[in-house]
């Protein structure tokens, strides 16, 4: 089953050196997951200051600079993995470096027919 592992944290919690180390550790984890056939995708996100939110209300598109919600922790990146079950997905989430200073939310993916491969 596919799981999205969403990495949340306070952007200011990381120094630039720590962030670079985290990226290196994350890349190593991606390679290890790929060797086990578990890796599907992963990426950090640019700062929340680059976010743009889009809503459609009454047929009109509303575009707002900034993230969807003002919170203490922001979505900073993700891993998409293929895990046997929730327990395995949780074990993988515990290996993500971002979990040391933030939170990793584990969500199963709803697979629907008709999407491109």
Protein backbone atom coordinates (compact mmCIF):
# COMPACT_ATOMS: atom_id res chain seq x y z
CA UNK A 1 0.00 0.00 0.00
CA UNK A 2 1.21 3.51 -0.77
CA UNK A 3 1.68 6.00 2.06
CA UNK A 4 2.41 9.72 1.99
CA UNK A 5 4.73 10.73 4.80
CA UNK A 6 4.26 14.48 5.31
CA UNK A 7 7.05 16.24 7.18
CA UNK A 8 5.99 19.20 9.33
CA UNK A 9 8.21 21.45 11.39
CA UNK A 10 9.08 25.02 12.25
CA UNK A 11 11.29 26.31 9.45
CA UNK A 12 13.37 28.36 11.87
CA UNK A 13 14.20 25.26 13.95
CA UNK A 14 16.96 24.30 11.48
CA UNK A 15 20.24 26.08 10.90
CA UNK A 16 21.46 26.10 7.31
CA UNK A 17 24.12 23.53 8.22
CA UNK A 18 21.54 21.27 9.89
CA UNK A 19 19.25 21.61 6.86
CA UNK A 20 22.03 20.52 4.48
CA UNK A 21 22.87 17.57 6.75
CA UNK A 22 19.17 16.64 6.86
CA UNK A 23 19.00 16.70 3.04
CA UNK A 24 22.03 14.42 2.86
CA UNK A 25 20.56 11.98 5.38
CA UNK A 26 17.22 12.07 3.57
CA UNK A 27 18.88 11.26 0.23
CA UNK A 28 20.66 8.31 1.88
CA UNK A 29 17.34 7.10 3.29
CA UNK A 30 15.78 7.38 -0.19
CA UNK A 31 18.56 5.22 -1.63
CA UNK A 32 18.08 2.61 1.14
CA UNK A 33 14.32 2.56 0.58
CA UNK A 34 14.88 2.20 -3.18
CA UNK A 35 17.10 -0.83 -2.59
CA UNK A 36 14.23 -2.38 -0.60
CA UNK A 37 11.66 -1.52 -3.29
CA UNK A 38 9.86 0.91 -0.95
CA UNK A 39 10.80 4.29 -2.48
CA UNK A 40 8.36 6.04 -4.82
CA UNK A 41 9.22 9.76 -4.45
CA UNK A 42 10.48 12.36 -1.99
CA UNK A 43 11.33 16.03 -1.93
CA UNK A 44 11.79 18.95 0.41
CA UNK A 45 9.70 22.03 -0.29
CA UNK A 46 10.89 25.61 -0.63
CA UNK A 47 10.14 27.96 2.26
CA UNK A 48 6.55 28.70 3.16
CA UNK A 49 7.30 32.28 2.06
CA UNK A 50 7.15 31.02 -1.56
CA UNK A 51 3.69 29.45 -1.13
CA UNK A 52 0.62 30.49 -3.08
CA UNK A 53 -2.86 29.25 -2.19
CA UNK A 54 -5.65 28.75 -4.74
CA UNK A 55 -9.33 28.42 -3.91
CA UNK A 56 -12.36 28.27 -6.20
CA UNK A 57 -15.56 29.73 -4.78
CA UNK A 58 -18.74 30.23 -6.78
CA UNK A 59 -16.79 29.43 -9.95
CA UNK A 60 -14.18 32.13 -9.29
CA UNK A 61 -10.53 31.42 -8.65
CA UNK A 62 -9.04 33.19 -5.61
CA UNK A 63 -5.25 33.36 -5.40
CA UNK A 64 -3.54 34.33 -2.15
CA UNK A 65 0.15 34.71 -1.39
CA UNK A 66 1.21 32.48 1.45
CA UNK A 67 0.34 29.07 2.83
CA UNK A 68 -3.15 27.70 3.36
CA UNK A 69 -2.98 28.12 7.15
CA UNK A 70 -0.94 30.13 9.61
CA UNK A 71 0.56 27.57 11.97
CA UNK A 72 3.64 27.09 14.14
CA UNK A 73 4.73 24.14 11.97
CA UNK A 74 4.76 24.13 8.19
CA UNK A 75 4.74 21.37 5.58
CA UNK A 76 8.40 21.08 4.66
CA UNK A 77 8.56 18.01 2.47
CA UNK A 78 7.32 14.51 1.83
CA UNK A 79 8.20 10.91 1.16
CA UNK A 80 5.92 8.67 -0.91
CA UNK A 81 6.57 5.04 -0.03
CA UNK A 82 5.17 1.61 -0.79
CA UNK A 83 4.88 -0.16 2.56
CA UNK A 84 3.34 -3.51 3.42
CA UNK A 85 1.15 -1.97 6.13
CA UNK A 86 0.76 0.95 8.53
CA UNK A 87 3.33 -0.45 10.96
CA UNK A 88 5.98 -0.53 8.24
CA UNK A 89 5.05 3.01 7.11
CA UNK A 90 5.39 4.22 10.71
CA UNK A 91 8.80 2.54 10.98
CA UNK A 92 9.93 4.34 7.81
CA UNK A 93 8.56 7.65 9.13
CA UNK A 94 10.68 7.19 12.25
CA UNK A 95 13.80 7.06 10.06
CA UNK A 96 13.11 10.44 8.40
CA UNK A 97 15.56 13.04 9.75
CA UNK A 98 12.83 15.70 9.92
CA UNK A 99 11.08 13.70 12.64
CA UNK A 100 13.84 14.73 15.07
CA UNK A 101 12.70 18.37 15.11
CA UNK A 102 9.19 18.11 13.76
CA UNK A 103 6.40 15.66 13.04
CA UNK A 104 5.86 13.16 10.25
CA UNK A 105 2.21 12.55 9.43
CA UNK A 106 1.54 9.11 7.91
CA UNK A 107 -1.39 8.98 5.48
CA UNK A 108 -2.47 6.09 3.24
CA UNK A 109 -3.01 6.99 -0.40
CA UNK A 110 -6.40 6.40 -1.99
CA UNK A 111 -5.68 4.79 -5.34
CA UNK A 112 -8.29 5.60 -7.96
CA UNK A 113 -8.75 4.24 -11.46
CA UNK A 114 -8.06 6.33 -14.52
CA UNK A 115 -4.90 8.11 -13.40
CA UNK A 116 -1.83 8.04 -15.66
CA UNK A 117 0.95 5.69 -14.58
